Amino acid sequence: MGQDIFLSQMQNALLTVLLVSAPALGIAILIGISVGLIQALTQIQDQTLPQAFKLVAVMLVLIIFGPALALHVTNLAGHVLDAFPVVTR
């Protein structure tokens, strides 16, 4: 019984990590591809340009969606802590 709950909690944790990181990773990928395409078309050879745009975009995404993402993490932490006595028996 304890192993089933443990595996379920691990699965929920991995899904939460995936859901929480998806917006930032998605924006970073889109910005990286867009800036790379613009650099290729204009023949700009600057290495730091895509990193600066990605950094700003990811920070904006985390500022905008941070509270909603933190809610998922706190809900997961609550479920894990509630199930802790059952798992450790």
N, C-alpha and C. Protein backbone atom coordinates (compact mmCIF):
# COMPACT_ATOMS: atom_id res chain seq x y z
N MET A 1 0.82 -1.19 0.00
CA MET A 1 0.00 0.00 0.00
C MET A 1 0.86 1.26 0.00
N GLY A 2 1.90 1.29 0.82
CA GLY A 2 2.76 2.46 0.92
C GLY A 2 3.51 2.73 -0.37
N GLN A 3 3.92 1.64 -1.06
CA GLN A 3 4.65 1.82 -2.32
C GLN A 3 3.77 2.41 -3.40
N ASP A 4 2.51 2.01 -3.44
CA ASP A 4 1.59 2.56 -4.43
C ASP A 4 1.41 4.06 -4.24
N ILE A 5 1.26 4.47 -3.01
CA ILE A 5 1.09 5.89 -2.72
C ILE A 5 2.37 6.65 -3.06
N PHE A 6 3.52 6.03 -2.72
CA PHE A 6 4.81 6.66 -3.01
C PHE A 6 4.99 6.85 -4.51
N LEU A 7 4.70 5.82 -5.29
CA LEU A 7 4.84 5.93 -6.75
C LEU A 7 3.85 6.94 -7.33
N SER A 8 2.66 6.99 -6.77
CA SER A 8 1.68 7.98 -7.22
C SER A 8 2.17 9.39 -6.92
N GLN A 9 2.74 9.59 -5.74
CA GLN A 9 3.26 10.91 -5.38
C GLN A 9 4.44 11.31 -6.27
N MET A 10 5.30 10.34 -6.59
CA MET A 10 6.42 10.63 -7.49
C MET A 10 5.92 11.00 -8.89
N GLN A 11 4.90 10.29 -9.36
CA GLN A 11 4.33 10.61 -10.67
C GLN A 11 3.72 12.01 -10.65
N ASN A 12 3.00 12.34 -9.60
CA ASN A 12 2.42 13.68 -9.48
C ASN A 12 3.51 14.75 -9.41
N ALA A 13 4.61 14.45 -8.71
CA ALA A 13 5.70 15.41 -8.61
C ALA A 13 6.34 15.65 -9.97
N LEU A 14 6.57 14.59 -10.73
CA LEU A 14 7.17 14.76 -12.06
C LEU A 14 6.24 15.52 -13.00
N LEU A 15 4.95 15.24 -12.93
CA LEU A 15 3.99 15.98 -13.76
C LEU A 15 3.93 17.45 -13.36
N THR A 16 4.03 17.72 -12.07
CA THR A 16 4.02 19.11 -11.60
C THR A 16 5.26 19.84 -12.08
N VAL A 17 6.41 19.19 -12.03
CA VAL A 17 7.64 19.80 -12.54
C VAL A 17 7.49 20.11 -14.03
N LEU A 18 6.92 19.18 -14.76
CA LEU A 18 6.71 19.38 -16.20
C LEU A 18 5.76 20.55 -16.45
N LEU A 19 4.66 20.61 -15.71
CA LEU A 19 3.68 21.69 -15.91
C LEU A 19 4.22 23.05 -15.47
N VAL A 20 5.00 23.07 -14.41
CA VAL A 20 5.52 24.34 -13.91
C VAL A 20 6.63 24.88 -14.81
N SER A 21 7.43 24.00 -15.38
CA SER A 21 8.53 24.46 -16.22
C SER A 21 8.12 24.69 -17.67
N ALA A 22 6.98 24.19 -18.09
CA ALA A 22 6.57 24.28 -19.50
C ALA A 22 6.42 25.72 -20.01
N PRO A 23 5.78 26.64 -19.29
CA PRO A 23 5.65 27.99 -19.85
C PRO A 23 6.99 28.68 -20.08
N ALA A 24 7.89 28.58 -19.12
CA ALA A 24 9.19 29.23 -19.27
C ALA A 24 10.01 28.57 -20.38
N LEU A 25 9.99 27.25 -20.44
CA LEU A 25 10.74 26.56 -21.50
C LEU A 25 10.15 26.84 -22.87
N GLY A 26 8.82 26.87 -22.96
CA GLY A 26 8.18 27.14 -24.24
C GLY A 26 8.52 28.52 -24.77
N ILE A 27 8.46 29.52 -23.90
CA ILE A 27 8.80 30.88 -24.32
C ILE A 27 10.27 30.98 -24.69
N ALA A 28 11.14 30.32 -23.92
CA ALA A 28 12.57 30.35 -24.24
C ALA A 28 12.85 29.71 -25.59
N ILE A 29 12.16 28.63 -25.90
CA ILE A 29 12.34 27.97 -27.20
C ILE A 29 11.85 28.87 -28.33
N LEU A 30 10.66 29.45 -28.16
CA LEU A 30 10.12 30.33 -29.21
C LEU A 30 11.00 31.56 -29.43
N ILE A 31 11.45 32.19 -28.36
CA ILE A 31 12.31 33.36 -28.49
C ILE A 31 13.65 32.97 -29.11
N GLY A 32 14.21 31.84 -28.70
CA GLY A 32 15.48 31.39 -29.26
C GLY A 32 15.40 31.13 -30.75
N ILE A 33 14.33 30.47 -31.18
CA ILE A 33 14.17 30.20 -32.61
C ILE A 33 13.94 31.49 -33.37
N SER A 34 13.12 32.38 -32.83
CA SER A 34 12.83 33.65 -33.51
C SER A 34 14.08 34.51 -33.64
N VAL A 35 14.82 34.67 -32.56
CA VAL A 35 16.03 35.49 -32.60
C VAL A 35 17.08 34.83 -33.49
N GLY A 36 17.18 33.51 -33.44
CA GLY A 36 18.12 32.82 -34.32
C GLY A 36 17.78 33.01 -35.78
N LEU A 37 16.49 32.97 -36.10
CA LEU A 37 16.06 33.20 -37.48
C LEU A 37 16.37 34.63 -37.92
N ILE A 38 16.08 35.59 -37.05
CA ILE A 38 16.38 36.99 -37.37
C ILE A 38 17.88 37.19 -37.53
N GLN A 39 18.68 36.56 -36.68
CA GLN A 39 20.13 36.67 -36.80
C GLN A 39 20.62 36.05 -38.10
N ALA A 40 20.03 34.94 -38.49
CA ALA A 40 20.45 34.31 -39.74
C ALA A 40 20.07 35.16 -40.95
N LEU A 41 18.90 35.79 -40.89
CA LEU A 41 18.46 36.61 -42.02
C LEU A 41 19.25 37.91 -42.14
N THR A 42 19.64 38.49 -41.00
CA THR A 42 20.36 39.76 -41.02
C THR A 42 21.87 39.57 -40.89
N GLN A 43 22.33 38.35 -40.74
CA GLN A 43 23.74 38.00 -40.62
C GLN A 43 24.42 38.68 -39.43
N ILE A 44 23.68 38.81 -38.33
CA ILE A 44 24.26 39.31 -37.09
C ILE A 44 24.93 38.14 -36.40
N GLN A 45 26.17 38.31 -35.94
CA GLN A 45 26.94 37.22 -35.36
C GLN A 45 27.12 37.35 -33.85
N ASP A 46 26.23 38.03 -33.18
CA ASP A 46 26.35 38.23 -31.74
C ASP A 46 25.86 36.99 -30.99
N GLN A 47 26.68 36.47 -30.07
CA GLN A 47 26.33 35.26 -29.32
C GLN A 47 25.42 35.56 -28.13
N THR A 48 25.50 36.77 -27.60
CA THR A 48 24.76 37.08 -26.37
C THR A 48 23.36 37.61 -26.64
N LEU A 49 23.05 37.97 -27.86
CA LEU A 49 21.74 38.54 -28.18
C LEU A 49 20.59 37.59 -27.87
N PRO A 50 20.64 36.33 -28.30
CA PRO A 50 19.52 35.44 -27.96
C PRO A 50 19.39 35.19 -26.46
N GLN A 51 20.51 35.14 -25.77
CA GLN A 51 20.46 34.88 -24.33
C GLN A 51 19.78 36.03 -23.59
N ALA A 52 20.06 37.25 -24.01
CA ALA A 52 19.45 38.41 -23.35
C ALA A 52 17.94 38.41 -23.56
N PHE A 53 17.50 38.16 -24.79
CA PHE A 53 16.06 38.12 -25.05
C PHE A 53 15.38 36.98 -24.29
N LYS A 54 16.02 35.82 -24.27
CA LYS A 54 15.43 34.68 -23.54
C LYS A 54 15.35 34.97 -22.05
N LEU A 55 16.39 35.58 -21.51
CA LEU A 55 16.39 35.90 -20.08
C LEU A 55 15.25 36.84 -19.72
N VAL A 56 15.08 37.89 -20.51
CA VAL A 56 14.00 38.84 -20.26
C VAL A 56 12.63 38.17 -20.42
N ALA A 57 12.47 37.37 -21.46
CA ALA A 57 11.18 36.71 -21.71
C ALA A 57 10.83 35.73 -20.60
N VAL A 58 11.80 34.94 -20.16
CA VAL A 58 11.54 33.96 -19.10
C VAL A 58 11.23 34.68 -17.79
N MET A 59 11.93 35.77 -17.51
CA MET A 59 11.63 36.52 -16.28
C MET A 59 10.21 37.09 -16.33
N LEU A 60 9.79 37.60 -17.49
CA LEU A 60 8.43 38.12 -17.61
C LEU A 60 7.39 37.02 -17.43
N VAL A 61 7.66 35.85 -18.01
CA VAL A 61 6.73 34.72 -17.86
C VAL A 61 6.63 34.31 -16.40
N LEU A 62 7.76 34.26 -15.71
CA LEU A 62 7.73 33.87 -14.30
C LEU A 62 7.05 34.92 -13.43
N ILE A 63 7.19 36.19 -13.79
CA ILE A 63 6.50 37.24 -13.04
C ILE A 63 5.00 37.16 -13.26
N ILE A 64 4.60 36.93 -14.51
CA ILE A 64 3.17 36.90 -14.84
C ILE A 64 2.50 35.63 -14.33
N PHE A 65 3.12 34.48 -14.62
CA PHE A 65 2.49 33.20 -14.28
C PHE A 65 3.00 32.60 -12.97
N GLY A 66 3.90 33.28 -12.29
CA GLY A 66 4.50 32.76 -11.07
C GLY A 66 3.51 32.37 -9.98
N PRO A 67 2.54 33.23 -9.67
CA PRO A 67 1.58 32.85 -8.61
C PRO A 67 0.76 31.60 -8.95
N ALA A 68 0.35 31.47 -10.20
CA ALA A 68 -0.42 30.28 -10.59
C ALA A 68 0.45 29.03 -10.54
N LEU A 69 1.71 29.17 -10.95
CA LEU A 69 2.62 28.03 -10.92
C LEU A 69 2.96 27.65 -9.48
N ALA A 70 3.12 28.65 -8.63
CA ALA A 70 3.42 28.37 -7.22
C ALA A 70 2.25 27.68 -6.54
N LEU A 71 1.04 27.96 -6.99
CA LEU A 71 -0.14 27.30 -6.43
C LEU A 71 -0.09 25.80 -6.68
N HIS A 72 0.34 25.40 -7.89
CA HIS A 72 0.48 23.97 -8.20
C HIS A 72 1.52 23.32 -7.28
N VAL A 73 2.63 24.02 -7.08
CA VAL A 73 3.70 23.46 -6.24
C VAL A 73 3.25 23.34 -4.78
N THR A 74 2.55 24.35 -4.28
CA THR A 74 2.09 24.27 -2.89
C THR A 74 1.01 23.22 -2.70
N ASN A 75 0.14 23.05 -3.71
CA ASN A 75 -0.85 21.97 -3.63
C ASN A 75 -0.18 20.61 -3.59
N LEU A 76 0.84 20.43 -4.42
CA LEU A 76 1.58 19.17 -4.42
C LEU A 76 2.25 18.94 -3.07
N ALA A 77 2.86 19.98 -2.53
CA ALA A 77 3.52 19.83 -1.23
C ALA A 77 2.51 19.46 -0.15
N GLY A 78 1.33 20.05 -0.20
CA GLY A 78 0.29 19.70 0.77
C GLY A 78 -0.13 18.25 0.66
N HIS A 79 -0.31 17.76 -0.57
CA HIS A 79 -0.70 16.36 -0.77
C HIS A 79 0.40 15.40 -0.30
N VAL A 80 1.64 15.76 -0.60
CA VAL A 80 2.77 14.90 -0.19
C VAL A 80 2.86 14.86 1.33
N LEU A 81 2.73 16.00 1.98
CA LEU A 81 2.83 16.02 3.44
C LEU A 81 1.64 15.34 4.10
N ASP A 82 0.47 15.41 3.47
CA ASP A 82 -0.69 14.70 4.02
C ASP A 82 -0.52 13.18 3.90
N ALA A 83 0.11 12.72 2.83
CA ALA A 83 0.28 11.29 2.61
C ALA A 83 1.53 10.74 3.29
N PHE A 84 2.35 11.59 3.87
CA PHE A 84 3.61 11.15 4.47
C PHE A 84 3.43 10.10 5.56
N PRO A 85 2.50 10.25 6.50
CA PRO A 85 2.35 9.21 7.52
C PRO A 85 1.96 7.85 6.94
N VAL A 86 1.17 7.85 5.88
CA VAL A 86 0.75 6.58 5.27
C VAL A 86 1.93 5.91 4.57
N VAL A 87 2.76 6.71 3.91
CA VAL A 87 3.89 6.16 3.16
C VAL A 87 4.96 5.61 4.09
N THR A 88 5.15 6.24 5.25
CA THR A 88 6.24 5.82 6.14
C THR A 88 5.86 4.69 7.09
N ARG A 89 4.65 4.18 7.03
CA ARG A 89 4.26 3.06 7.90
C ARG A 89 4.90 1.78 7.45
